[in-house]
C-alpha atoms as a PDB file:
ATOM      1  CA  UNK A   1     -14.093  30.856 -60.694  1.00  0.00           C
ATOM      2  CA  UNK A   2     -14.950  34.245 -62.189  1.00  0.00           C
ATOM      3  CA  UNK A   3     -15.921  34.265 -65.848  1.00  0.00           C
ATOM      4  CA  UNK A   4     -13.064  35.079 -68.202  1.00  0.00           C
ATOM      5  CA  UNK A   5     -12.041  34.896 -71.847  1.00  0.00           C
ATOM      6  CA  UNK A   6     -10.808  31.374 -72.639  1.00  0.00           C
ATOM      7  CA  UNK A   7     -10.060  31.724 -76.348  1.00  0.00           C
ATOM      8  CA  UNK A   8     -10.174  34.239 -79.177  1.00  0.00           C
ATOM      9  CA  UNK A   9     -10.374  33.092 -82.806  1.00  0.00           C
ATOM     10  CA  UNK A  10     -10.822  34.971 -86.049  1.00  0.00           C
ATOM     11  CA  UNK A  11     -11.112  33.798 -89.653  1.00  0.00           C
ATOM     12  CA  UNK A  12      -9.340  36.170 -92.060  1.00  0.00           C
ATOM     13  CA  UNK A  13     -11.047  34.266 -94.908  1.00  0.00           C
ATOM     14  CA  UNK A  14     -14.541  32.933 -94.267  1.00  0.00           C
ATOM     15  CA  UNK A  15     -14.586  29.114 -94.288  1.00  0.00           C
ATOM     16  CA  UNK A  16     -10.809  28.669 -93.987  1.00  0.00           C
ATOM     17  CA  UNK A  17      -8.681  27.767 -90.960  1.00  0.00           C
ATOM     18  CA  UNK A  18      -9.109  29.886 -87.850  1.00  0.00           C
ATOM     19  CA  UNK A  19      -6.384  32.066 -86.392  1.00  0.00           C
ATOM     20  CA  UNK A  20      -5.841  31.905 -82.633  1.00  0.00           C
ATOM     21  CA  UNK A  21      -5.365  35.368 -81.119  1.00  0.00           C
ATOM     22  CA  UNK A  22      -4.195  36.566 -77.713  1.00  0.00           C
ATOM     23  CA  UNK A  23      -6.059  39.855 -78.112  1.00  0.00           C
ATOM     24  CA  UNK A  24      -8.323  41.725 -80.505  1.00  0.00           C
ATOM     25  CA  UNK A  25      -9.584  45.253 -80.865  1.00  0.00           C
ATOM     26  CA  UNK A  26     -13.372  45.262 -80.967  1.00  0.00           C
ATOM     27  CA  UNK A  27     -14.504  48.180 -83.112  1.00  0.00           C
ATOM     28  CA  UNK A  28     -18.063  49.373 -83.668  1.00  0.00           C
ATOM     29  CA  UNK A  29     -18.217  46.931 -86.625  1.00  0.00           C
ATOM     30  CA  UNK A  30     -16.503  44.010 -84.843  1.00  0.00           C
ATOM     31  CA  UNK A  31     -12.935  42.791 -85.410  1.00  0.00           C
ATOM     32  CA  UNK A  32     -11.474  44.313 -88.584  1.00  0.00           C
ATOM     33  CA  UNK A  33      -9.501  41.189 -89.560  1.00  0.00           C
ATOM     34  CA  UNK A  34     -12.416  38.810 -89.036  1.00  0.00           C
ATOM     35  CA  UNK A  35     -14.051  37.427 -92.233  1.00  0.00           C
ATOM     36  CA  UNK A  36     -12.221  40.129 -94.202  1.00  0.00           C
ATOM     37  CA  UNK A  37     -12.367  37.920 -97.296  1.00  0.00           C
ATOM     38  CA  UNK A  38     -14.803  35.350 -98.639  1.00  0.00           C
ATOM     39  CA  UNK A  39     -14.989  32.967-101.567  1.00  0.00           C
ATOM     40  CA  UNK A  40     -17.594  32.847-104.320  1.00  0.00           C
ATOM     41  CA  UNK A  41     -18.373  30.356-107.065  1.00  0.00           C
ATOM     42  CA  UNK A  42     -18.369  31.181-110.764  1.00  0.00           C
ATOM     43  CA  UNK A  43     -22.058  32.119-110.550  1.00  0.00           C
ATOM     44  CA  UNK A  44     -21.431  34.509-107.652  1.00  0.00           C
ATOM     45  CA  UNK A  45     -22.816  32.333-104.855  1.00  0.00           C
ATOM     46  CA  UNK A  46     -21.120  32.431-101.463  1.00  0.00           C
ATOM     47  CA  UNK A  47     -19.056  29.300-100.802  1.00  0.00           C
ATOM     48  CA  UNK A  48     -17.920  28.146 -97.368  1.00  0.00           C
ATOM     49  CA  UNK A  49     -17.500  25.037 -95.237  1.00  0.00           C
ATOM     50  CA  UNK A  50     -21.060  23.900 -95.908  1.00  0.00           C
ATOM     51  CA  UNK A  51     -20.236  23.109 -99.511  1.00  0.00           C
ATOM     52  CA  UNK A  52     -16.428  22.903 -99.370  1.00  0.00           C
ATOM     53  CA  UNK A  53     -15.189  21.439 -96.104  1.00  0.00           C
ATOM     54  CA  UNK A  54     -11.671  21.183 -97.548  1.00  0.00           C
ATOM     55  CA  UNK A  55     -11.351  24.976 -97.310  1.00  0.00           C
ATOM     56  CA  UNK A  56     -10.627  24.445 -93.603  1.00  0.00           C
ATOM     57  CA  UNK A  57      -7.329  22.848 -94.648  1.00  0.00           C
ATOM     58  CA  UNK A  58      -6.176  26.212 -96.041  1.00  0.00           C
ATOM     59  CA  UNK A  59      -4.424  28.520 -93.554  1.00  0.00           C
ATOM     60  CA  UNK A  60      -4.716  32.258 -94.289  1.00  0.00           C
ATOM     61  CA  UNK A  61      -2.353  34.898 -92.930  1.00  0.00           C
ATOM     62  CA  UNK A  62      -3.590  38.446 -93.458  1.00  0.00           C
ATOM     63  CA  UNK A  63      -1.699  41.628 -92.575  1.00  0.00           C
ATOM     64  CA  UNK A  64      -4.155  44.504 -92.650  1.00  0.00           C
ATOM     65  CA  UNK A  65      -1.387  47.106 -92.392  1.00  0.00           C
ATOM     66  CA  UNK A  66       0.648  46.205 -95.467  1.00  0.00           C
ATOM     67  CA  UNK A  67      -2.248  44.380 -97.201  1.00  0.00           C
ATOM     68  CA  UNK A  68      -0.371  41.126 -97.709  1.00  0.00           C
ATOM     69  CA  UNK A  69      -2.232  37.826 -97.846  1.00  0.00           C
ATOM     70  CA  UNK A  70      -0.737  34.337 -97.608  1.00  0.00           C
ATOM     71  CA  UNK A  71      -2.704  31.143 -98.209  1.00  0.00           C
ATOM     72  CA  UNK A  72      -0.919  27.961 -97.105  1.00  0.00           C
ATOM     73  CA  UNK A  73      -2.231  24.727 -98.617  1.00  0.00           C
ATOM     74  CA  UNK A  74      -1.920  21.250 -97.030  1.00  0.00           C
ATOM     75  CA  UNK A  75       0.592  20.090 -99.665  1.00  0.00           C
ATOM     76  CA  UNK A  76       2.977  22.855 -98.563  1.00  0.00           C
ATOM     77  CA  UNK A  77       2.296  25.172-101.506  1.00  0.00           C
ATOM     78  CA  UNK A  78       1.717  28.870-100.892  1.00  0.00           C
ATOM     79  CA  UNK A  79      -0.132  31.650-102.695  1.00  0.00           C
ATOM     80  CA  UNK A  80       0.950  35.062-101.483  1.00  0.00           C
ATOM     81  CA  UNK A  81       1.291  38.691-102.430  1.00  0.00           C
ATOM     82  CA  UNK A  82      -0.054  42.177-101.915  1.00  0.00           C
ATOM     83  CA  UNK A  83      -3.815  42.416-102.293  1.00  0.00           C
ATOM     84  CA  UNK A  84      -5.049  44.540-105.188  1.00  0.00           C
ATOM     85  CA  UNK A  85      -8.673  45.031-106.126  1.00  0.00           C
ATOM     86  CA  UNK A  86     -10.430  44.143-109.360  1.00  0.00           C
ATOM     87  CA  UNK A  87     -14.076  44.621-110.326  1.00  0.00           C
ATOM     88  CA  UNK A  88     -17.046  45.033-107.934  1.00  0.00           C
ATOM     89  CA  UNK A  89     -19.263  42.122-106.984  1.00  0.00           C
ATOM     90  CA  UNK A  90     -22.319  41.718-104.748  1.00  0.00           C
ATOM     91  CA  UNK A  91     -22.586  38.566-102.621  1.00  0.00           C
ATOM     92  CA  UNK A  92     -25.730  37.438-100.823  1.00  0.00           C
ATOM     93  CA  UNK A  93     -25.056  36.596 -97.170  1.00  0.00           C
ATOM     94  CA  UNK A  94     -28.165  34.855 -95.860  1.00  0.00           C
ATOM     95  CA  UNK A  95     -30.514  37.299 -97.584  1.00  0.00           C
ATOM     96  CA  UNK A  96     -28.285  40.341 -97.051  1.00  0.00           C
ATOM     97  CA  UNK A  97     -26.311  42.024 -99.849  1.00  0.00           C
ATOM     98  CA  UNK A  98     -22.590  42.518 -99.210  1.00  0.00           C
ATOM     99  CA  UNK A  99     -20.605  44.724-101.575  1.00  0.00           C
ATOM    100  CA  UNK A 100     -17.105  43.514-102.373  1.00  0.00           C
ATOM    101  CA  UNK A 101     -14.278  43.609-104.863  1.00  0.00           C
ATOM    102  CA  UNK A 102     -12.732  40.611-106.564  1.00  0.00           C
ATOM    103  CA  UNK A 103      -9.117  40.206-105.440  1.00  0.00           C
ATOM    104  CA  UNK A 104      -6.509  40.344-108.203  1.00  0.00           C
ATOM    105  CA  UNK A 105      -3.561  37.952-107.781  1.00  0.00           C
ATOM    106  CA  UNK A 106      -2.683  34.257-107.406  1.00  0.00           C
ATOM    107  CA  UNK A 107      -5.253  33.278-104.783  1.00  0.00           C
ATOM    108  CA  UNK A 108      -8.331  32.520-106.911  1.00  0.00           C
ATOM    109  CA  UNK A 109      -6.375  30.268-109.274  1.00  0.00           C
ATOM    110  CA  UNK A 110      -4.746  28.463-106.343  1.00  0.00           C
ATOM    111  CA  UNK A 111      -8.116  27.865-104.670  1.00  0.00           C
ATOM    112  CA  UNK A 112      -9.648  26.706-107.940  1.00  0.00           C
ATOM    113  CA  UNK A 113      -6.856  24.162-108.401  1.00  0.00           C
ATOM    114  CA  UNK A 114      -7.183  22.993-104.794  1.00  0.00           C
ATOM    115  CA  UNK A 115     -10.946  22.302-104.767  1.00  0.00           C
ATOM    116  CA  UNK A 116     -11.343  21.430-108.457  1.00  0.00           C
ATOM    117  CA  UNK A 117     -13.979  24.050-109.296  1.00  0.00           C
ATOM    118  CA  UNK A 118     -13.879  27.711-110.274  1.00  0.00           C
ATOM    119  CA  UNK A 119     -13.611  29.999-107.265  1.00  0.00           C
ATOM    120  CA  UNK A 120     -12.935  33.693-106.809  1.00  0.00           C
ATOM    121  CA  UNK A 121     -11.582  35.438-103.731  1.00  0.00           C
ATOM    122  CA  UNK A 122     -13.455  38.589-102.686  1.00  0.00           C
ATOM    123  CA  UNK A 123     -12.774  41.295-100.115  1.00  0.00           C
ATOM    124  CA  UNK A 124     -15.752  43.055 -98.557  1.00  0.00           C
ATOM    125  CA  UNK A 125     -15.664  46.812 -99.127  1.00  0.00           C
ATOM    126  CA  UNK A 126     -16.745  47.546 -95.547  1.00  0.00           C
ATOM    127  CA  UNK A 127     -14.925  45.771 -92.675  1.00  0.00           C
ATOM    128  CA  UNK A 128     -17.340  43.605 -90.690  1.00  0.00           C
ATOM    129  CA  UNK A 129     -19.872  43.348 -93.524  1.00  0.00           C
ATOM    130  CA  UNK A 130     -18.998  39.741 -94.382  1.00  0.00           C
ATOM    131  CA  UNK A 131     -19.750  38.326 -90.907  1.00  0.00           C
ATOM    132  CA  UNK A 132     -22.838  36.096 -90.980  1.00  0.00           C
ATOM    133  CA  UNK A 133     -25.081  38.308 -88.864  1.00  0.00           C
ATOM    134  CA  UNK A 134     -23.731  41.570 -90.206  1.00  0.00           C
ATOM    135  CA  UNK A 135     -21.468  44.357 -88.969  1.00  0.00           C
ATOM    136  CA  UNK A 136     -20.682  44.611 -85.260  1.00  0.00           C
ATOM    137  CA  UNK A 137     -21.666  41.022 -84.522  1.00  0.00           C
ATOM    138  CA  UNK A 138     -19.751  39.126 -81.847  1.00  0.00           C
ATOM    139  CA  UNK A 139     -20.168  35.430 -81.020  1.00  0.00           C
ATOM    140  CA  UNK A 140     -19.728  33.861 -77.581  1.00  0.00           C
ATOM    141  CA  UNK A 141     -19.645  30.234 -76.404  1.00  0.00           C
ATOM    142  CA  UNK A 142     -18.844  28.880 -72.951  1.00  0.00           C
ATOM    143  CA  UNK A 143     -16.558  25.947 -72.219  1.00  0.00           C
ATOM    144  CA  UNK A 144     -19.393  24.659 -70.027  1.00  0.00           C
ATOM    145  CA  UNK A 145     -21.591  24.375 -73.114  1.00  0.00           C
ATOM    146  CA  UNK A 146     -18.849  22.456 -74.924  1.00  0.00           C
ATOM    147  CA  UNK A 147     -18.719  20.008 -72.043  1.00  0.00           C
ATOM    148  CA  UNK A 148     -22.528  19.643 -72.074  1.00  0.00           C
ATOM    149  CA  UNK A 149     -22.466  18.751 -75.761  1.00  0.00           C
ATOM    150  CA  UNK A 150     -19.596  16.320 -75.259  1.00  0.00           C
ATOM    151  CA  UNK A 151     -21.659  14.524 -72.617  1.00  0.00           C
ATOM    152  CA  UNK A 152     -24.776  14.542 -74.770  1.00  0.00           C
ATOM    153  CA  UNK A 153     -22.808  13.141 -77.718  1.00  0.00           C
ATOM    154  CA  UNK A 154     -21.418  10.333 -75.531  1.00  0.00           C
ATOM    155  CA  UNK A 155     -17.803  10.879 -76.507  1.00  0.00           C
ATOM    156  CA  UNK A 156     -14.727  10.762 -74.280  1.00  0.00           C
ATOM    157  CA  UNK A 157     -12.384  13.304 -75.834  1.00  0.00           C
ATOM    158  CA  UNK A 158     -12.947  17.060 -75.342  1.00  0.00           C
ATOM    159  CA  UNK A 159     -14.737  18.888 -78.136  1.00  0.00           C
ATOM    160  CA  UNK A 160     -12.446  21.144 -80.137  1.00  0.00           C
ATOM    161  CA  UNK A 161     -13.960  24.648 -79.837  1.00  0.00           C
ATOM    162  CA  UNK A 162     -12.696  25.509 -83.329  1.00  0.00           C
ATOM    163  CA  UNK A 163     -15.475  23.281 -84.670  1.00  0.00           C
ATOM    164  CA  UNK A 164     -17.960  26.039 -83.773  1.00  0.00           C
ATOM    165  CA  UNK A 165     -15.939  28.985 -85.178  1.00  0.00           C
ATOM    166  CA  UNK A 166     -16.818  31.460 -82.403  1.00  0.00           C
ATOM    167  CA  UNK A 167     -14.998  34.717 -81.701  1.00  0.00           C
ATOM    168  CA  UNK A 168     -14.864  34.375 -77.892  1.00  0.00           C
ATOM    169  CA  UNK A 169     -14.836  31.388 -75.566  1.00  0.00           C
ATOM    170  CA  UNK A 170     -15.803  31.915 -71.923  1.00  0.00           C
ATOM    171  CA  UNK A 171     -14.579  29.966 -68.884  1.00  0.00           C
ATOM    172  CA  UNK A 172     -16.127  30.020 -65.425  1.00  0.00           C
ATOM    173  CA  UNK A 173     -19.860  29.761 -66.196  1.00  0.00           C
ATOM    174  CA  UNK A 174     -22.271  26.840 -66.267  1.00  0.00           C
ATOM    175  CA  UNK A 175     -23.445  24.948 -69.355  1.00  0.00           C
ATOM    176  CA  UNK A 176     -25.416  27.274 -71.649  1.00  0.00           C
ATOM    177  CA  UNK A 177     -25.395  30.021 -69.033  1.00  0.00           C
ATOM    178  CA  UNK A 178     -24.668  32.435 -71.880  1.00  0.00           C
ATOM    179  CA  UNK A 179     -28.260  31.845 -73.082  1.00  0.00           C
ATOM    180  CA  UNK A 180     -29.486  33.699 -69.994  1.00  0.00           C
ATOM    181  CA  UNK A 181     -27.477  36.769 -71.002  1.00  0.00           C
ATOM    182  CA  UNK A 182     -29.664  37.537 -74.027  1.00  0.00           C
ATOM    183  CA  UNK A 183     -31.055  41.054 -73.851  1.00  0.00           C
ATOM    184  CA  UNK A 184     -28.250  42.087 -71.493  1.00  0.00           C
ATOM    185  CA  UNK A 185     -25.074  44.126 -71.782  1.00  0.00           C
ATOM    186  CA  UNK A 186     -21.949  42.048 -71.182  1.00  0.00           C
ATOM    187  CA  UNK A 187     -18.555  43.523 -70.430  1.00  0.00           C
ATOM    188  CA  UNK A 188     -15.809  41.540 -72.185  1.00  0.00           C
ATOM    189  CA  UNK A 189     -12.392  42.937 -71.380  1.00  0.00           C
ATOM    190  CA  UNK A 190     -12.515  46.667 -72.152  1.00  0.00           C
ATOM    191  CA  UNK A 191     -15.449  46.334 -74.543  1.00  0.00           C
ATOM    192  CA  UNK A 192     -19.191  45.960 -74.088  1.00  0.00           C
ATOM    193  CA  UNK A 193     -21.515  43.783 -76.167  1.00  0.00           C
ATOM    194  CA  UNK A 194     -25.321  43.764 -76.265  1.00  0.00           C
ATOM    195  CA  UNK A 195     -26.260  40.110 -76.667  1.00  0.00           C
ATOM    196  CA  UNK A 196     -29.317  39.681 -78.853  1.00  0.00           C
ATOM    197  CA  UNK A 197     -29.780  36.090 -79.989  1.00  0.00           C
ATOM    198  CA  UNK A 198     -28.805  32.445 -80.129  1.00  0.00           C
ATOM    199  CA  UNK A 199     -26.416  31.134 -82.765  1.00  0.00           C
ATOM    200  CA  UNK A 200     -28.232  28.522 -84.820  1.00  0.00           C
ATOM    201  CA  UNK A 201     -25.861  25.815 -85.988  1.00  0.00           C
ATOM    202  CA  UNK A 202     -25.298  24.357 -89.453  1.00  0.00           C
ATOM    203  CA  UNK A 203     -23.517  21.405 -91.036  1.00  0.00           C
ATOM    204  CA  UNK A 204     -20.117  23.135 -90.712  1.00  0.00           C
ATOM    205  CA  UNK A 205     -20.016  22.161 -87.023  1.00  0.00           C
ATOM    206  CA  UNK A 206     -20.069  18.486 -87.977  1.00  0.00           C
ATOM    207  CA  UNK A 207     -16.716  18.859 -89.733  1.00  0.00           C
ATOM    208  CA  UNK A 208     -13.276  18.301 -88.219  1.00  0.00           C
ATOM    209  CA  UNK A 209     -11.813  21.819 -87.825  1.00  0.00           C
ATOM    210  CA  UNK A 210      -8.539  20.924 -89.560  1.00  0.00           C
ATOM    211  CA  UNK A 211      -9.507  18.391 -92.245  1.00  0.00           C
ATOM    212  CA  UNK A 212     -13.057  19.564 -92.983  1.00  0.00           C
ATOM    213  CA  UNK A 213     -14.232  15.940 -92.981  1.00  0.00           C
ATOM    214  CA  UNK A 214     -17.605  15.273 -91.329  1.00  0.00           C
ATOM    215  CA  UNK A 215     -16.907  13.214 -88.205  1.00  0.00           C
ATOM    216  CA  UNK A 216     -19.506  14.219 -85.567  1.00  0.00           C
ATOM    217  CA  UNK A 217     -23.282  14.479 -85.927  1.00  0.00           C
ATOM    218  CA  UNK A 218     -23.520  17.771 -84.044  1.00  0.00           C
ATOM    219  CA  UNK A 219     -26.902  18.714 -85.494  1.00  0.00           C
ATOM    220  CA  UNK A 220     -28.472  15.422 -84.436  1.00  0.00           C
ATOM    221  CA  UNK A 221     -27.028  15.862 -80.941  1.00  0.00           C
ATOM    222  CA  UNK A 222     -28.383  19.408 -80.681  1.00  0.00           C
ATOM    223  CA  UNK A 223     -31.779  18.384 -82.051  1.00  0.00           C
ATOM    224  CA  UNK A 224     -32.070  15.800 -79.293  1.00  0.00           C
ATOM    225  CA  UNK A 225     -30.630  17.397 -76.168  1.00  0.00           C
ATOM    226  CA  UNK A 226     -31.687  21.025 -76.876  1.00  0.00           C
ATOM    227  CA  UNK A 227     -35.079  20.251 -78.400  1.00  0.00           C
ATOM    228  CA  UNK A 228     -37.074  22.069 -75.701  1.00  0.00           C
ATOM    229  CA  UNK A 229     -34.921  25.199 -75.533  1.00  0.00           C
ATOM    230  CA  UNK A 230     -36.605  28.530 -76.271  1.00  0.00           C
ATOM    231  CA  UNK A 231     -34.426  30.024 -78.979  1.00  0.00           C
ATOM    232  CA  UNK A 232     -34.140  32.806 -81.545  1.00  0.00           C
ATOM    233  CA  UNK A 233     -32.501  30.470 -84.094  1.00  0.00           C
ATOM    234  CA  UNK A 234     -32.914  26.770 -84.787  1.00  0.00           C
ATOM    235  CA  UNK A 235     -30.406  24.315 -83.177  1.00  0.00           C
ATOM    236  CA  UNK A 236     -28.909  26.874 -80.770  1.00  0.00           C
ATOM    237  CA  UNK A 237     -25.351  26.622 -79.485  1.00  0.00           C
ATOM    238  CA  UNK A 238     -23.766  29.849 -78.249  1.00  0.00           C
ATOM    239  CA  UNK A 239     -24.999  33.423 -78.541  1.00  0.00           C
ATOM    240  CA  UNK A 240     -24.308  36.532 -80.585  1.00  0.00           C
ATOM    241  CA  UNK A 241     -24.567  40.251 -80.052  1.00  0.00           C
ATOM    242  CA  UNK A 242     -23.433  43.643 -81.273  1.00  0.00           C
ATOM    243  CA  UNK A 243     -20.627  45.889 -80.061  1.00  0.00           C
ATOM    244  CA  UNK A 244     -22.041  48.679 -77.925  1.00  0.00           C
ATOM    245  CA  UNK A 245     -18.683  49.966 -76.654  1.00  0.00           C
ATOM    246  CA  UNK A 246     -15.428  49.304 -78.544  1.00  0.00           C
ATOM    247  CA  UNK A 247     -12.327  48.177 -76.673  1.00  0.00           C
ATOM    248  CA  UNK A 248      -9.492  45.681 -76.430  1.00  0.00           C
ATOM    249  CA  UNK A 249     -10.230  42.093 -75.399  1.00  0.00           C
ATOM    250  CA  UNK A 250      -7.395  39.818 -74.229  1.00  0.00           C
ATOM    251  CA  UNK A 251      -7.149  36.191 -73.155  1.00  0.00           C
ATOM    252  CA  UNK A 252      -7.959  35.938 -69.451  1.00  0.00           C
ATOM    253  CA  UNK A 253      -9.943  39.193 -69.366  1.00  0.00           C
ATOM    254  CA  UNK A 254     -12.978  39.294 -67.095  1.00  0.00           C
ATOM    255  CA  UNK A 255     -16.476  38.746 -68.503  1.00  0.00           C
ATOM    256  CA  UNK A 256     -19.234  40.410 -66.488  1.00  0.00           C
ATOM    257  CA  UNK A 257     -22.884  41.279 -66.861  1.00  0.00           C
ATOM    258  CA  UNK A 258     -23.356  45.048 -66.820  1.00  0.00           C
END
């Protein structure tokens, strides 16, 4: 079977529930709607699923065109409205400064009430800036790699790919074949991506993608079965790269090495 796009997921708000997409427009900075917002604590520190797994229970719906944001909470309550900006704030993303604006409206209070600690919702000034590895970054994981981890973990049920929060899933390649694409140009749909490194995994992957509860020791599994892998980041699972040619990517589109 030829390699093709198996899934597309974006996170309008970093750390919250993923949105399944049938297509995305890859721009020079990545997908505009991806990680458009993030959450900070009262002291300005970035907060995500590492510290607050329950954020994955919150479903965001973001309309970039009319600037409306809806947050749906597991009890059925909703915080919604048109996004307006308040004061500037700088958030540190893994050693990198990201300029943002605090969002004025009901969302921060609703999140604070939900998790039981003071939180503020922030929108990055520049689209793509609030993605972990910076603007233009794209993440890729094969279904073959998911199956390899399932086997290594000794579990029967398929692994939910949402656990790993990747932009693109790829069918039709062998386990971890995407690792061999590093340093290469890959055509994904109508776009091209220069793959540059492995995605090192964190505690977020151990959490159930809907409840946020830790229910699988993914890091222990990776540490054991991928211990001898040459990697650019610790505990590798999937790869990342930067957009070299913008274009539309749809489910089922071909994935080919250039």
